[in-house]
Amino acid sequence: MATRALLHKNKLKELKIRLEKQGYMILATSKNPYEVLRARKDKDTVIIYCKLAAREHLSVMDKDYELIRRFIKQRVN
């Protein structure tokens, strides 16, 4: 499943930078038209999606929820 409306679209570039600093390699997205970011570190792959009807927010896989929440929380502090 995916968690919707978690990450604002304008934070995607900043997330890419943060993931790279954490050792993730940014990969080319798949042929899935909804996929906007794919990153891998060891065997962990993070995929971010954009639903066509979504105006402001992106979706993340449930397994990546805590990673994205930490990113958002660190931005606030």
C-alpha atoms as a PDB file:
ATOM      1  CA  MET A   1       0.000   0.000   0.000  1.00  0.00           C
ATOM      2  CA  ALA A   2       0.961   3.626  -0.300  1.00  0.00           C
ATOM      3  CA  THR A   3       0.590   6.569   2.024  1.00  0.00           C
ATOM      4  CA  ARG A   4      -0.875   9.496   0.146  1.00  0.00           C
ATOM      5  CA  ALA A   5      -0.432  13.212   0.755  1.00  0.00           C
ATOM      6  CA  LEU A   6       2.672  12.816   2.897  1.00  0.00           C
ATOM      7  CA  LEU A   7       5.348  14.718   0.998  1.00  0.00           C
ATOM      8  CA  HIS A   8       4.754  18.058  -0.704  1.00  0.00           C
ATOM      9  CA  LYS A   9       5.821  18.149  -4.360  1.00  0.00           C
ATOM     10  CA  ASN A  10       8.121  21.121  -3.840  1.00  0.00           C
ATOM     11  CA  LYS A  11      10.206  19.077  -1.325  1.00  0.00           C
ATOM     12  CA  LEU A  12      11.173  16.378  -3.848  1.00  0.00           C
ATOM     13  CA  LYS A  13      14.478  17.975  -4.878  1.00  0.00           C
ATOM     14  CA  GLU A  14      15.480  18.452  -1.243  1.00  0.00           C
ATOM     15  CA  LEU A  15      14.576  14.810  -0.510  1.00  0.00           C
ATOM     16  CA  LYS A  16      16.819  13.641  -3.368  1.00  0.00           C
ATOM     17  CA  ILE A  17      19.742  15.576  -1.888  1.00  0.00           C
ATOM     18  CA  ARG A  18      19.074  14.178   1.597  1.00  0.00           C
ATOM     19  CA  LEU A  19      18.854  10.610   0.303  1.00  0.00           C
ATOM     20  CA  GLU A  20      22.159  10.998  -1.543  1.00  0.00           C
ATOM     21  CA  LYS A  21      23.791  12.278   1.655  1.00  0.00           C
ATOM     22  CA  GLN A  22      22.482   9.158   3.424  1.00  0.00           C
ATOM     23  CA  GLY A  23      24.160   6.927   0.838  1.00  0.00           C
ATOM     24  CA  TYR A  24      21.250   6.301  -1.523  1.00  0.00           C
ATOM     25  CA  MET A  25      21.915   6.267  -5.247  1.00  0.00           C
ATOM     26  CA  ILE A  26      19.283   8.059  -7.324  1.00  0.00           C
ATOM     27  CA  LEU A  27      18.183   5.778 -10.141  1.00  0.00           C
ATOM     28  CA  ALA A  28      16.223   6.291 -13.330  1.00  0.00           C
ATOM     29  CA  THR A  29      12.509   5.879 -12.786  1.00  0.00           C
ATOM     30  CA  SER A  30      10.700   2.900 -14.275  1.00  0.00           C
ATOM     31  CA  LYS A  31       8.244   3.115 -17.146  1.00  0.00           C
ATOM     32  CA  ASN A  32       5.468   3.627 -14.584  1.00  0.00           C
ATOM     33  CA  PRO A  33       4.136   7.129 -15.406  1.00  0.00           C
ATOM     34  CA  TYR A  34       3.308   7.776 -11.740  1.00  0.00           C
ATOM     35  CA  GLU A  35       6.841   7.182 -10.466  1.00  0.00           C
ATOM     36  CA  VAL A  36       8.809  10.410  -9.842  1.00  0.00           C
ATOM     37  CA  LEU A  37      11.756   9.176  -7.745  1.00  0.00           C
ATOM     38  CA  ARG A  38      13.609   5.891  -7.313  1.00  0.00           C
ATOM     39  CA  ALA A  39      16.584   5.578  -4.973  1.00  0.00           C
ATOM     40  CA  ARG A  40      18.518   2.546  -3.748  1.00  0.00           C
ATOM     41  CA  LYS A  41      20.834   1.850  -0.836  1.00  0.00           C
ATOM     42  CA  ASP A  42      22.046  -1.728  -0.495  1.00  0.00           C
ATOM     43  CA  LYS A  43      18.848  -3.772  -0.891  1.00  0.00           C
ATOM     44  CA  ASP A  44      16.461  -0.964   0.091  1.00  0.00           C
ATOM     45  CA  THR A  45      14.663   0.814  -2.752  1.00  0.00           C
ATOM     46  CA  VAL A  46      12.648   3.965  -2.092  1.00  0.00           C
ATOM     47  CA  ILE A  47      10.011   4.863  -4.677  1.00  0.00           C
ATOM     48  CA  ILE A  48       7.949   8.064  -4.659  1.00  0.00           C
ATOM     49  CA  TYR A  49       4.789   8.360  -6.745  1.00  0.00           C
ATOM     50  CA  CYS A  50       2.679  11.223  -8.034  1.00  0.00           C
ATOM     51  CA  LYS A  51      -0.971  10.480  -8.626  1.00  0.00           C
ATOM     52  CA  LEU A  52      -2.301  12.399 -11.631  1.00  0.00           C
ATOM     53  CA  ALA A  53      -5.120  13.937  -9.612  1.00  0.00           C
ATOM     54  CA  ALA A  54      -2.755  15.004  -6.802  1.00  0.00           C
ATOM     55  CA  ARG A  55      -2.216  18.726  -6.898  1.00  0.00           C
ATOM     56  CA  GLU A  56       0.299  19.230  -4.099  1.00  0.00           C
ATOM     57  CA  HIS A  57       1.441  15.965  -2.535  1.00  0.00           C
ATOM     58  CA  LEU A  58       3.297  12.794  -3.416  1.00  0.00           C
ATOM     59  CA  SER A  59       2.712   9.219  -2.280  1.00  0.00           C
ATOM     60  CA  VAL A  60       5.222   6.874  -0.661  1.00  0.00           C
ATOM     61  CA  MET A  61       5.186   3.148  -0.048  1.00  0.00           C
ATOM     62  CA  ASP A  62       4.176   2.200   3.495  1.00  0.00           C
ATOM     63  CA  LYS A  63       7.616   0.652   4.101  1.00  0.00           C
ATOM     64  CA  ASP A  64       9.199   4.083   3.458  1.00  0.00           C
ATOM     65  CA  TYR A  65       6.780   6.031   5.656  1.00  0.00           C
ATOM     66  CA  GLU A  66       9.187   6.398   8.615  1.00  0.00           C
ATOM     67  CA  LEU A  67      12.070   7.495   6.355  1.00  0.00           C
ATOM     68  CA  ILE A  68       9.960  10.280   4.853  1.00  0.00           C
ATOM     69  CA  ARG A  69       8.494  11.280   8.248  1.00  0.00           C
ATOM     70  CA  ARG A  70      12.049  11.673   9.622  1.00  0.00           C
ATOM     71  CA  PHE A  71      12.923  13.839   6.597  1.00  0.00           C
ATOM     72  CA  ILE A  72       9.892  16.067   7.213  1.00  0.00           C
ATOM     73  CA  LYS A  73      10.528  16.240  10.956  1.00  0.00           C
ATOM     74  CA  GLN A  74      14.220  17.159  10.485  1.00  0.00           C
ATOM     75  CA  ARG A  75      13.217  19.967   8.130  1.00  0.00           C
ATOM     76  CA  VAL A  76      11.007  21.486  10.830  1.00  0.00           C
ATOM     77  CA  ASN A  77      13.629  21.323  13.604  1.00  0.00           C
END
